[in-house]
C-alpha atoms as a PDB file:
ATOM      1  CA  UNK A   1      14.653  16.592 -11.764  1.00  0.00           C
ATOM      2  CA  UNK A   2      15.671  18.065 -15.058  1.00  0.00           C
ATOM      3  CA  UNK A   3      16.762  21.571 -15.918  1.00  0.00           C
ATOM      4  CA  UNK A   4      14.619  23.627 -18.289  1.00  0.00           C
ATOM      5  CA  UNK A   5      17.017  25.458 -20.618  1.00  0.00           C
ATOM      6  CA  UNK A   6      14.577  28.291 -21.490  1.00  0.00           C
ATOM      7  CA  UNK A   7      14.153  29.958 -18.109  1.00  0.00           C
ATOM      8  CA  UNK A   8      16.731  28.222 -15.899  1.00  0.00           C
ATOM      9  CA  UNK A   9      14.156  26.787 -13.450  1.00  0.00           C
ATOM     10  CA  UNK A  10      14.020  23.212 -12.278  1.00  0.00           C
ATOM     11  CA  UNK A  11      11.005  21.182 -13.366  1.00  0.00           C
ATOM     12  CA  UNK A  12       9.862  18.054 -11.561  1.00  0.00           C
ATOM     13  CA  UNK A  13       9.519  14.874 -13.615  1.00  0.00           C
ATOM     14  CA  UNK A  14       8.146  11.482 -12.749  1.00  0.00           C
ATOM     15  CA  UNK A  15      10.592   8.592 -12.904  1.00  0.00           C
ATOM     16  CA  UNK A  16      10.166   6.511 -16.053  1.00  0.00           C
ATOM     17  CA  UNK A  17       8.630   3.541 -14.200  1.00  0.00           C
ATOM     18  CA  UNK A  18       5.859   5.793 -12.794  1.00  0.00           C
ATOM     19  CA  UNK A  19       5.006   7.508 -16.075  1.00  0.00           C
ATOM     20  CA  UNK A  20       1.321   6.735 -16.749  1.00  0.00           C
ATOM     21  CA  UNK A  21       1.589   7.479 -20.472  1.00  0.00           C
ATOM     22  CA  UNK A  22       3.855   4.431 -20.856  1.00  0.00           C
ATOM     23  CA  UNK A  23       1.541   2.070 -18.935  1.00  0.00           C
ATOM     24  CA  UNK A  24       1.290  -1.256 -20.772  1.00  0.00           C
ATOM     25  CA  UNK A  25      -1.250  -3.139 -18.637  1.00  0.00           C
ATOM     26  CA  UNK A  26      -1.696  -4.774 -15.261  1.00  0.00           C
ATOM     27  CA  UNK A  27       1.194  -6.598 -13.636  1.00  0.00           C
ATOM     28  CA  UNK A  28       0.663 -10.318 -13.163  1.00  0.00           C
ATOM     29  CA  UNK A  29       2.604 -12.415 -10.701  1.00  0.00           C
ATOM     30  CA  UNK A  30       4.551 -15.278 -12.278  1.00  0.00           C
ATOM     31  CA  UNK A  31       3.206 -18.749 -11.574  1.00  0.00           C
ATOM     32  CA  UNK A  32       5.114 -20.937  -9.100  1.00  0.00           C
ATOM     33  CA  UNK A  33       4.911 -23.944 -11.389  1.00  0.00           C
ATOM     34  CA  UNK A  34       7.866 -22.457 -13.300  1.00  0.00           C
ATOM     35  CA  UNK A  35       9.996 -24.045 -10.546  1.00  0.00           C
ATOM     36  CA  UNK A  36       9.389 -27.399 -12.185  1.00  0.00           C
ATOM     37  CA  UNK A  37      11.592 -26.602 -15.197  1.00  0.00           C
ATOM     38  CA  UNK A  38      14.884 -26.290 -13.259  1.00  0.00           C
ATOM     39  CA  UNK A  39      13.711 -29.140 -11.012  1.00  0.00           C
ATOM     40  CA  UNK A  40      13.459 -31.410 -14.058  1.00  0.00           C
ATOM     41  CA  UNK A  41      16.945 -30.332 -15.131  1.00  0.00           C
ATOM     42  CA  UNK A  42      18.322 -31.172 -11.648  1.00  0.00           C
ATOM     43  CA  UNK A  43      16.682 -34.591 -11.769  1.00  0.00           C
ATOM     44  CA  UNK A  44      18.092 -35.378 -15.227  1.00  0.00           C
ATOM     45  CA  UNK A  45      21.626 -34.276 -14.286  1.00  0.00           C
ATOM     46  CA  UNK A  46      21.370 -36.199 -10.991  1.00  0.00           C
ATOM     47  CA  UNK A  47      20.271 -39.378 -12.758  1.00  0.00           C
ATOM     48  CA  UNK A  48      23.092 -38.997 -15.299  1.00  0.00           C
ATOM     49  CA  UNK A  49      25.582 -38.728 -12.429  1.00  0.00           C
ATOM     50  CA  UNK A  50      24.133 -41.822 -10.769  1.00  0.00           C
ATOM     51  CA  UNK A  51      24.262 -43.649 -14.121  1.00  0.00           C
ATOM     52  CA  UNK A  52      27.934 -42.693 -14.605  1.00  0.00           C
ATOM     53  CA  UNK A  53      28.696 -43.974 -11.123  1.00  0.00           C
ATOM     54  CA  UNK A  54      26.902 -47.281 -11.779  1.00  0.00           C
ATOM     55  CA  UNK A  55      28.695 -47.848 -15.096  1.00  0.00           C
ATOM     56  CA  UNK A  56      32.181 -46.426 -14.484  1.00  0.00           C
ATOM     57  CA  UNK A  57      32.832 -46.578 -10.711  1.00  0.00           C
ATOM     58  CA  UNK A  58      34.914 -49.772 -10.988  1.00  0.00           C
ATOM     59  CA  UNK A  59      36.887 -48.831 -14.115  1.00  0.00           C
ATOM     60  CA  UNK A  60      37.587 -45.066 -13.919  1.00  0.00           C
ATOM     61  CA  UNK A  61      39.650 -43.062 -11.452  1.00  0.00           C
ATOM     62  CA  UNK A  62      37.522 -39.977 -12.267  1.00  0.00           C
ATOM     63  CA  UNK A  63      34.211 -41.509 -11.171  1.00  0.00           C
ATOM     64  CA  UNK A  64      34.012 -42.022  -7.425  1.00  0.00           C
ATOM     65  CA  UNK A  65      31.656 -41.624  -4.484  1.00  0.00           C
ATOM     66  CA  UNK A  66      31.514 -37.857  -5.027  1.00  0.00           C
ATOM     67  CA  UNK A  67      29.707 -38.380  -8.333  1.00  0.00           C
ATOM     68  CA  UNK A  68      27.181 -40.606  -6.565  1.00  0.00           C
ATOM     69  CA  UNK A  69      26.696 -38.050  -3.766  1.00  0.00           C
ATOM     70  CA  UNK A  70      26.226 -35.237  -6.309  1.00  0.00           C
ATOM     71  CA  UNK A  71      23.748 -37.368  -8.272  1.00  0.00           C
ATOM     72  CA  UNK A  72      21.720 -38.239  -5.181  1.00  0.00           C
ATOM     73  CA  UNK A  73      21.763 -34.617  -3.961  1.00  0.00           C
ATOM     74  CA  UNK A  74      20.689 -33.175  -7.321  1.00  0.00           C
ATOM     75  CA  UNK A  75      17.946 -35.768  -7.703  1.00  0.00           C
ATOM     76  CA  UNK A  76      16.616 -35.128  -4.186  1.00  0.00           C
ATOM     77  CA  UNK A  77      16.662 -31.361  -4.724  1.00  0.00           C
ATOM     78  CA  UNK A  78      14.917 -31.788  -8.083  1.00  0.00           C
ATOM     79  CA  UNK A  79      12.172 -33.889  -6.499  1.00  0.00           C
ATOM     80  CA  UNK A  80      11.726 -31.180  -3.846  1.00  0.00           C
ATOM     81  CA  UNK A  81      11.463 -28.584  -6.633  1.00  0.00           C
ATOM     82  CA  UNK A  82       8.759 -30.635  -8.344  1.00  0.00           C
ATOM     83  CA  UNK A  83       6.749 -30.871  -5.128  1.00  0.00           C
ATOM     84  CA  UNK A  84       7.269 -27.169  -4.263  1.00  0.00           C
ATOM     85  CA  UNK A  85       6.294 -26.063  -7.768  1.00  0.00           C
ATOM     86  CA  UNK A  86       2.634 -25.492  -6.876  1.00  0.00           C
ATOM     87  CA  UNK A  87       0.363 -24.111  -9.571  1.00  0.00           C
ATOM     88  CA  UNK A  88      -0.985 -20.717  -8.501  1.00  0.00           C
ATOM     89  CA  UNK A  89      -4.744 -20.945  -9.125  1.00  0.00           C
ATOM     90  CA  UNK A  90      -5.778 -17.648  -7.487  1.00  0.00           C
ATOM     91  CA  UNK A  91      -4.482 -14.401  -8.986  1.00  0.00           C
ATOM     92  CA  UNK A  92      -4.136 -11.133  -7.070  1.00  0.00           C
ATOM     93  CA  UNK A  93      -7.496  -9.782  -8.267  1.00  0.00           C
ATOM     94  CA  UNK A  94      -9.403 -12.854  -7.065  1.00  0.00           C
ATOM     95  CA  UNK A  95      -7.475 -12.725  -3.780  1.00  0.00           C
ATOM     96  CA  UNK A  96      -8.445  -9.075  -3.211  1.00  0.00           C
ATOM     97  CA  UNK A  97     -12.116  -9.826  -3.940  1.00  0.00           C
ATOM     98  CA  UNK A  98     -12.147 -12.789  -1.531  1.00  0.00           C
ATOM     99  CA  UNK A  99     -10.374 -10.768   1.165  1.00  0.00           C
ATOM    100  CA  UNK A 100     -12.793  -7.837   0.835  1.00  0.00           C
ATOM    101  CA  UNK A 101     -15.718 -10.240   1.303  1.00  0.00           C
ATOM    102  CA  UNK A 102     -14.063 -11.746   4.374  1.00  0.00           C
ATOM    103  CA  UNK A 103     -13.439  -8.510   6.309  1.00  0.00           C
ATOM    104  CA  UNK A 104     -17.037  -7.285   6.075  1.00  0.00           C
ATOM    105  CA  UNK A 105     -16.466  -3.603   5.321  1.00  0.00           C
ATOM    106  CA  UNK A 106     -16.189  -1.471   2.180  1.00  0.00           C
ATOM    107  CA  UNK A 107     -12.542  -1.523   1.186  1.00  0.00           C
ATOM    108  CA  UNK A 108     -10.653   1.595   0.138  1.00  0.00           C
ATOM    109  CA  UNK A 109      -6.931   0.994  -0.181  1.00  0.00           C
ATOM    110  CA  UNK A 110      -5.595  -2.551  -0.289  1.00  0.00           C
ATOM    111  CA  UNK A 111      -2.300  -4.268  -0.936  1.00  0.00           C
ATOM    112  CA  UNK A 112      -1.621  -7.874  -1.973  1.00  0.00           C
ATOM    113  CA  UNK A 113       1.688  -9.624  -1.356  1.00  0.00           C
ATOM    114  CA  UNK A 114       2.724 -13.109  -2.476  1.00  0.00           C
ATOM    115  CA  UNK A 115       4.229 -15.210   0.332  1.00  0.00           C
ATOM    116  CA  UNK A 116       5.126 -18.875   0.711  1.00  0.00           C
ATOM    117  CA  UNK A 117       4.191 -21.073   3.670  1.00  0.00           C
ATOM    118  CA  UNK A 118       5.891 -24.143   5.075  1.00  0.00           C
ATOM    119  CA  UNK A 119       8.618 -26.478   3.878  1.00  0.00           C
ATOM    120  CA  UNK A 120       6.734 -27.200   0.670  1.00  0.00           C
ATOM    121  CA  UNK A 121       6.539 -23.463  -0.195  1.00  0.00           C
ATOM    122  CA  UNK A 122       2.796 -23.354  -0.721  1.00  0.00           C
ATOM    123  CA  UNK A 123       1.941 -19.977  -2.317  1.00  0.00           C
ATOM    124  CA  UNK A 124      -0.335 -17.692  -0.325  1.00  0.00           C
ATOM    125  CA  UNK A 125      -1.593 -14.139  -0.573  1.00  0.00           C
ATOM    126  CA  UNK A 126      -1.136 -11.727   2.333  1.00  0.00           C
ATOM    127  CA  UNK A 127      -3.635  -8.899   1.862  1.00  0.00           C
ATOM    128  CA  UNK A 128      -3.759  -5.679   3.878  1.00  0.00           C
ATOM    129  CA  UNK A 129      -7.039  -3.750   3.585  1.00  0.00           C
ATOM    130  CA  UNK A 130      -8.237  -0.366   4.840  1.00  0.00           C
ATOM    131  CA  UNK A 131     -11.853   0.762   5.005  1.00  0.00           C
ATOM    132  CA  UNK A 132     -13.091   3.270   2.431  1.00  0.00           C
ATOM    133  CA  UNK A 133     -13.496   6.257   4.800  1.00  0.00           C
ATOM    134  CA  UNK A 134     -11.013   9.118   4.737  1.00  0.00           C
ATOM    135  CA  UNK A 135      -9.108   8.504   6.994  1.00  0.00           C
ATOM    136  CA  UNK A 136      -9.935   4.808   7.277  1.00  0.00           C
ATOM    137  CA  UNK A 137     -11.676   3.704  10.467  1.00  0.00           C
ATOM    138  CA  UNK A 138     -10.892  -0.019  10.170  1.00  0.00           C
ATOM    139  CA  UNK A 139      -8.129  -2.177   8.819  1.00  0.00           C
ATOM    140  CA  UNK A 140      -7.714  -5.872   8.284  1.00  0.00           C
ATOM    141  CA  UNK A 141      -5.282  -8.510   7.125  1.00  0.00           C
ATOM    142  CA  UNK A 142      -6.239 -11.705   5.320  1.00  0.00           C
ATOM    143  CA  UNK A 143      -4.011 -14.693   4.545  1.00  0.00           C
ATOM    144  CA  UNK A 144      -5.411 -16.592   1.565  1.00  0.00           C
ATOM    145  CA  UNK A 145      -4.223 -19.893   0.077  1.00  0.00           C
ATOM    146  CA  UNK A 146      -3.042 -19.286  -3.506  1.00  0.00           C
ATOM    147  CA  UNK A 147      -3.782 -22.862  -4.636  1.00  0.00           C
ATOM    148  CA  UNK A 148      -7.262 -23.514  -3.217  1.00  0.00           C
ATOM    149  CA  UNK A 149      -8.459 -19.939  -2.600  1.00  0.00           C
ATOM    150  CA  UNK A 150      -9.398 -20.719   1.020  1.00  0.00           C
ATOM    151  CA  UNK A 151      -9.005 -18.099   3.742  1.00  0.00           C
ATOM    152  CA  UNK A 152      -6.325 -19.364   6.132  1.00  0.00           C
ATOM    153  CA  UNK A 153      -6.408 -16.560   8.703  1.00  0.00           C
ATOM    154  CA  UNK A 154      -7.877 -13.087   8.999  1.00  0.00           C
ATOM    155  CA  UNK A 155      -7.993 -10.251  11.480  1.00  0.00           C
ATOM    156  CA  UNK A 156      -9.901  -6.945  11.568  1.00  0.00           C
ATOM    157  CA  UNK A 157      -9.477  -4.082  14.021  1.00  0.00           C
ATOM    158  CA  UNK A 158     -10.263  -0.421  14.459  1.00  0.00           C
ATOM    159  CA  UNK A 159      -7.505   1.590  12.832  1.00  0.00           C
ATOM    160  CA  UNK A 160      -5.105   2.602  15.651  1.00  0.00           C
ATOM    161  CA  UNK A 161      -3.130   5.004  13.451  1.00  0.00           C
ATOM    162  CA  UNK A 162      -3.570   8.717  14.125  1.00  0.00           C
ATOM    163  CA  UNK A 163      -3.844  10.539  10.809  1.00  0.00           C
ATOM    164  CA  UNK A 164      -5.175  13.750  12.340  1.00  0.00           C
ATOM    165  CA  UNK A 165      -2.087  15.733  11.316  1.00  0.00           C
ATOM    166  CA  UNK A 166      -2.518  14.673   7.690  1.00  0.00           C
ATOM    167  CA  UNK A 167      -6.184  15.627   7.325  1.00  0.00           C
ATOM    168  CA  UNK A 168      -5.424  19.346   7.088  1.00  0.00           C
ATOM    169  CA  UNK A 169      -2.295  18.915   4.950  1.00  0.00           C
ATOM    170  CA  UNK A 170      -3.739  16.702   2.204  1.00  0.00           C
ATOM    171  CA  UNK A 171      -6.239  18.065  -0.312  1.00  0.00           C
ATOM    172  CA  UNK A 172      -9.649  16.379  -0.435  1.00  0.00           C
ATOM    173  CA  UNK A 173     -10.148  13.714  -3.048  1.00  0.00           C
ATOM    174  CA  UNK A 174     -10.895  15.154  -6.480  1.00  0.00           C
ATOM    175  CA  UNK A 175      -9.484  18.620  -5.722  1.00  0.00           C
ATOM    176  CA  UNK A 176      -6.295  20.092  -7.036  1.00  0.00           C
ATOM    177  CA  UNK A 177      -3.870  22.399  -5.287  1.00  0.00           C
ATOM    178  CA  UNK A 178      -2.309  25.104  -7.459  1.00  0.00           C
ATOM    179  CA  UNK A 179       0.547  27.258  -6.214  1.00  0.00           C
ATOM    180  CA  UNK A 180       1.908  30.359  -7.924  1.00  0.00           C
END
């Protein structure tokens, strides 16, 4: 809230991150294949450590088994990072379209969340969908593979939430409430 200096009343303001006039475009999720850059750095540093151990382990008091262990650990972690750096082939818009086809009802509100599955951190989309009625009669959740675009799991049910108290409080869509 900010104070209006002319009449001394408080005026509500939107936070800066919700100000529509400063909207710059849709948000895109970063691709998981960015993990490969630090993974390559880990591999290079690990191989350098292993190389130092091979060359200097007999002649230097500073190069010992710890350098070898660090080199092996960094190299192993870098290889894991390369494998876990999947390329995300399905963006959030494609995931929402696929999920809305899967549930079999007209979708109103929906939410997409990026998640990772398994030890290899395969990217997936978790999508929550509500039917287009007001209040929604059905809801569903769809888990979609972010690499192949295949539906992994999905579930649809009648909406168990009771929104009866909110029907009278909220204005109908397209109407505006003005208070004096």
